[in-house]
Each structure stands twice: as structure tokens, then as C-alpha cells.
Protein backbone atom coordinates (compact mmCIF):
# COMPACT_ATOMS: atom_id res chain seq x y z
CA MET A 1 81.23 -95.09 52.09
CA THR A 2 82.09 -93.87 48.67
CA THR A 3 79.83 -92.46 46.04
CA ASP A 4 82.01 -91.76 43.25
CA ASP A 5 85.65 -91.19 42.28
CA ALA A 6 85.83 -87.58 43.77
CA ILE A 7 83.53 -87.37 46.71
CA SER A 8 83.38 -89.78 49.51
CA VAL A 9 80.62 -89.73 52.29
CA VAL A 10 80.98 -90.89 55.78
CA PRO A 11 78.73 -91.05 58.85
CA ALA A 12 78.96 -87.89 60.85
CA ASN A 13 80.47 -89.96 63.90
CA ALA A 14 83.46 -91.04 61.76
CA ALA A 15 84.05 -87.38 60.91
CA SER A 16 85.55 -84.92 63.33
CA TRP A 17 83.34 -82.16 64.79
CA GLY A 18 85.94 -79.39 63.26
CA ASP A 19 85.18 -81.02 59.76
CA LEU A 20 81.47 -80.70 60.44
CA GLN A 21 81.66 -77.10 61.55
CA SER A 22 83.85 -76.31 58.52
CA VAL A 23 80.88 -77.24 56.36
CA LEU A 24 78.39 -75.26 58.44
CA GLY A 25 80.68 -72.31 58.51
CA THR A 26 80.69 -69.34 60.85
CA ARG A 27 77.90 -67.06 58.99
CA GLY A 28 74.29 -67.75 57.46
CA ASP A 29 71.66 -69.99 58.01
CA PRO A 30 73.61 -73.31 58.31
CA SER A 31 75.81 -71.86 61.23
CA HIS A 32 72.96 -70.27 62.87
CA CYS A 33 70.63 -73.50 62.58
CA GLN A 34 73.19 -76.12 63.47
CA CYS A 35 70.64 -78.44 61.90
CA GLN A 36 68.12 -78.15 64.85
CA ARG A 37 65.17 -76.45 62.76
CA TYR A 38 63.20 -79.70 62.47
CA LYS A 39 64.06 -80.78 66.08
CA ILE A 40 62.98 -77.89 67.93
CA ARG A 41 59.47 -76.55 68.11
CA ASP A 42 58.43 -73.20 66.98
CA SER A 43 57.54 -72.11 70.51
CA GLU A 44 61.06 -73.10 71.71
CA TRP A 45 63.13 -71.97 68.66
CA ARG A 46 63.99 -68.41 69.94
CA ALA A 47 64.77 -69.50 73.56
CA VAL A 48 67.50 -71.79 72.24
CA THR A 49 70.93 -70.13 71.57
CA VAL A 50 73.27 -70.96 68.59
CA GLU A 51 75.71 -72.39 71.17
CA GLU A 52 73.03 -74.62 72.66
CA ARG A 53 72.10 -75.74 69.03
CA ALA A 54 75.60 -76.42 68.38
CA GLU A 55 75.94 -78.59 71.41
CA ARG A 56 72.89 -80.47 70.58
CA LEU A 57 74.07 -81.33 67.27
CA ARG A 58 77.60 -82.41 68.68
CA GLU A 59 75.59 -84.89 70.91
CA GLN A 60 73.18 -85.92 67.91
CA ALA A 61 76.03 -86.54 65.60
CA HIS A 62 78.67 -88.20 67.91
CA CYS A 63 81.57 -86.77 65.84
CA GLY A 64 84.86 -88.24 66.46
CA HIS A 65 83.12 -91.56 67.97
CA PRO A 66 83.29 -94.13 65.14
CA GLY A 67 82.10 -96.79 67.45
CA ALA A 68 78.85 -94.61 68.32
CA ARG A 69 75.79 -96.69 67.71
CA THR A 70 73.90 -93.66 66.36
CA THR A 71 74.52 -90.48 64.51
CA SER A 72 72.28 -87.71 62.81
CA GLY A 73 73.74 -87.44 59.37
CA LEU A 74 76.52 -87.70 56.81
CA VAL A 75 79.53 -85.53 55.86
CA ALA A 76 80.85 -85.64 52.40
CA TYR A 77 84.63 -84.96 51.54
CA LEU A 78 85.98 -83.80 48.23
CA GLU A 79 89.72 -84.48 47.76
CA GLY A 80 90.06 -84.81 51.53
CA LYS A 81 88.39 -81.62 52.23
CA PRO A 82 84.89 -81.56 54.31
CA VAL A 83 82.39 -80.10 51.80
CA GLY A 84 79.06 -81.33 52.62
CA TRP A 85 76.44 -82.26 55.25
CA CYS A 86 73.23 -84.16 55.15
CA ALA A 87 70.74 -84.79 58.12
CA VAL A 88 69.21 -88.45 57.92
CA GLU A 89 67.52 -90.05 60.83
CA PRO A 90 64.13 -91.82 61.75
CA ARG A 91 61.49 -89.48 60.94
CA THR A 92 60.44 -89.49 64.66
CA ALA A 93 63.48 -87.64 65.45
CA TYR A 94 62.34 -84.40 63.95
CA ARG A 95 59.68 -82.86 66.39
CA ARG A 96 58.81 -80.12 64.06
CA LEU A 97 58.57 -82.23 60.97
CA LEU A 98 55.70 -84.08 62.84
CA LEU A 99 53.73 -80.79 63.06
CA THR A 100 54.27 -79.43 59.54
CA ARG A 101 51.79 -80.18 56.69
CA VAL A 102 54.13 -80.99 53.91
CA PRO A 103 54.88 -84.59 54.78
CA TRP A 104 51.25 -85.51 55.67
CA THR A 105 48.98 -83.73 53.31
CA ASP A 106 46.55 -86.24 51.58
CA ARG A 107 48.48 -89.15 53.35
CA THR A 108 47.61 -91.43 56.04
CA GLU A 109 51.14 -92.14 57.28
CA ASP A 110 51.70 -93.29 60.96
CA LYS A 111 53.80 -90.37 62.37
CA ALA A 112 55.21 -92.66 65.18
CA ASP A 113 56.60 -95.29 62.74
CA ASP A 114 60.36 -95.50 63.50
CA GLY A 115 60.93 -97.55 60.56
CA VAL A 116 60.59 -94.46 58.23
CA TRP A 117 63.56 -92.49 58.01
CA ALA A 118 63.69 -88.81 56.71
CA VAL A 119 66.22 -86.82 54.84
CA THR A 120 65.54 -83.06 55.86
CA CYS A 121 68.47 -80.93 55.13
CA PHE A 122 71.58 -80.55 52.94
CA VAL A 123 74.32 -78.19 53.34
CA THR A 124 77.26 -77.62 50.77
CA ARG A 125 80.17 -75.83 51.97
CA THR A 126 80.71 -72.17 50.70
CA GLY A 127 83.08 -72.47 47.54
CA PHE A 128 82.24 -76.06 46.49
CA ARG A 129 78.59 -75.67 45.33
CA HIS A 130 77.61 -77.06 41.94
CA ARG A 131 80.09 -79.86 42.15
CA GLY A 132 77.68 -82.89 42.83
CA VAL A 133 77.92 -82.68 46.62
CA SER A 134 74.39 -82.78 47.49
CA ARG A 135 73.90 -85.46 44.76
CA ALA A 136 76.62 -87.78 46.45
CA LEU A 137 75.05 -87.28 49.93
CA ALA A 138 71.62 -88.14 48.69
CA ALA A 139 72.55 -91.36 47.12
CA ALA A 140 74.56 -92.18 50.22
CA THR A 141 71.67 -91.77 52.46
CA VAL A 142 70.05 -95.05 50.95
CA ASP A 143 72.51 -97.53 52.11
CA PHE A 144 73.08 -95.68 55.26
CA ALA A 145 69.47 -95.88 56.28
CA ARG A 146 68.92 -99.38 55.02
CA GLU A 147 71.96 -100.76 57.05
CA ARG A 148 70.56 -99.30 60.07
CA GLY A 149 67.29 -100.97 59.82
CA ALA A 150 64.94 -98.52 57.95
CA ARG A 151 62.12 -100.13 55.95
CA SER A 152 61.51 -96.76 54.00
CA MET A 153 62.91 -93.19 53.70
CA GLU A 154 61.45 -90.06 52.60
CA GLY A 155 62.63 -86.55 51.47
CA TYR A 156 60.79 -83.24 51.02
CA PRO A 157 62.48 -81.71 48.15
CA MET A 158 61.77 -78.49 46.24
CA ILE A 159 60.75 -78.70 42.66
CA THR A 160 63.20 -76.70 40.59
CA GLN A 161 62.67 -75.16 36.97
CA PRO A 162 65.36 -74.24 34.62
CA GLY A 163 66.08 -70.50 34.57
CA LYS A 164 63.94 -69.83 37.68
CA GLU A 165 66.15 -69.01 40.89
CA ILE A 166 65.62 -70.63 44.28
CA THR A 167 67.62 -69.14 47.05
CA TRP A 168 70.10 -71.50 48.88
CA GLY A 169 67.84 -71.34 52.01
CA GLU A 170 64.93 -72.67 50.46
CA LEU A 171 66.91 -75.44 48.70
CA HIS A 172 68.25 -76.68 52.07
CA VAL A 173 65.52 -79.64 51.51
CA GLY A 174 67.23 -80.83 48.44
CA SER A 175 65.96 -80.70 44.82
CA ARG A 176 63.53 -83.32 43.51
CA SER A 177 66.28 -84.39 40.71
CA ILE A 178 68.70 -85.51 43.32
CA PHE A 179 66.21 -87.72 45.00
CA ALA A 180 65.13 -89.31 41.93
CA GLU A 181 68.44 -90.12 40.86
CA ALA A 182 68.99 -91.69 44.22
CA GLY A 183 65.97 -94.02 43.49
CA PHE A 184 63.17 -92.20 45.26
CA ALA A 185 59.89 -91.83 43.83
CA GLU A 186 57.30 -89.08 44.03
CA VAL A 187 54.38 -89.92 46.25
CA SER A 188 52.44 -86.72 46.73
CA ARG A 189 52.91 -83.14 45.75
CA PRO A 190 51.44 -80.97 49.06
CA THR A 191 52.19 -77.72 47.47
CA LEU A 192 53.16 -76.42 44.12
CA ARG A 193 56.85 -76.21 44.99
CA ARG A 194 57.32 -79.02 47.31
CA VAL A 195 56.94 -83.03 46.70
CA VAL A 196 57.52 -85.98 48.97
CA MET A 197 59.87 -88.50 47.50
CA ARG A 198 60.21 -92.00 48.95
CA ILE A 199 62.11 -95.14 48.78
CA ASP A 200 60.94 -98.71 50.32
CA PHE A 201 63.60 -101.13 50.86
């Protein structure tokens, strides 16, 4: 799938494992997390090594296997270089998400509904930030989830304010603006800095 003239986005199983690891890098939160933070409960987190997390991601993403029936996200390319990653799956795939309060505050959602998908994480490769990578990934999640049977999809982004800095680590959930541009609408505001954005198909 292609999102604009410069950035193309593909399901992770159509990308190589090396490309995905190039995006996550070798230092910092993305490389340590390996996009497992929402999949492993707090009580288990410290017991799972970085190597184990990477192996879990490899199994979930099915990188290098374009015929795989499932994958756990999208990889973005800019001029042929892997530059971004976005995690998107059925909401039930994220064990920790089911236990956190942000998605559920003041809502009566069925936590076991596989028809609702979630966008939980964005990573832009060092050196390629502020070039529209997260925006392209957010837009691509819509067709990706809909084509795979999702009835609805949610994100849990930060509210960003002009002139107010937000550290990269906090912004891994994305910003409200990129979800709005992709067609998501705000359905709740569980904290002063977080919103639940949703799109129904």
C-alpha cells in the first residue's frame, strides 16, 4: 500500500526482519521494547529479556513471509529506506492494554471484541523524524485493518500543544492530529493528555 509520493507503507510480513530492526535501532526504548510493552503484563515484563522480546516480535510480524495470514504491524519506507513502524492488531492482542485505564475510562466497551482493532505504537527511525512518517503510517492503518475484517479501530494518542515539548518516549502512541487526519474521531478524553480516537467501518 502507498500513502503518498515519497512514503510507502507495507504490512510487516512483506518487509524483511532486517528492515524492521533498522527502524527499531540498537539503542533506546524501541530497541529494548521490541513492541512488546502492550503484550506483556507488568508482572512478567522484567523476566522477559530483550532477546526474547525480539523473538516474539519476529514471530508476531512474520517478516519476510508475504504469504503469512497475520502480521502485527506496518513498515514505512522513504525512498526505499525503512524509516517507520506502527503496531496495529485486534485490540485483544494487547494483554496490558486490556488492563490499563486509558481505553476504558467512562466507556462500556466489550474488552473481548476481536472486531475492534487498536493502533498502539509508532516508531520513526532516528534521522527521519518530522518528515510525515507517523502520519503516513496512521493513514495506512485504516485500509490495513478494514481489509482484514476490523469493524472499528482505535488509537490512544497524546494531545500535543504548540510550544510544549513532549519526549519521544511519551509520543510513541502518536499525536491526536495524525489520527484526526486519518479519519478517526475523538470518543473520550480519559486524562488531560490522552484521548481515545476511533473510526468505525
